[in-house]
Amino acid sequence: MIGKMIGAMAGAKAAKYARGIGGPGGAVLGAVAVPLVRRMGPLGLIAGAAGAYALKRRSEKR
């Protein structure tokens, strides 16, 4: 429960920097992301981080 609340707070803060997502939307995404991250395990986290980095690099080149 506490993890979902922390995820919601982090999602709301991150939504300020994302286009098209408001504070409540970010909070919902953050709360939903916590159980998904737990299920992915260490390899899934590494793959997700690598994918996010590649997406960031691609968006910076444009």
Foldseek 3Di string as FASTA:
>chain_A
DVQLQVQLVVQLVVQVVDPPAHNNRRSVVRSVVRVVVVVCPDVNVVVVVVVVVVVVVVVVVD
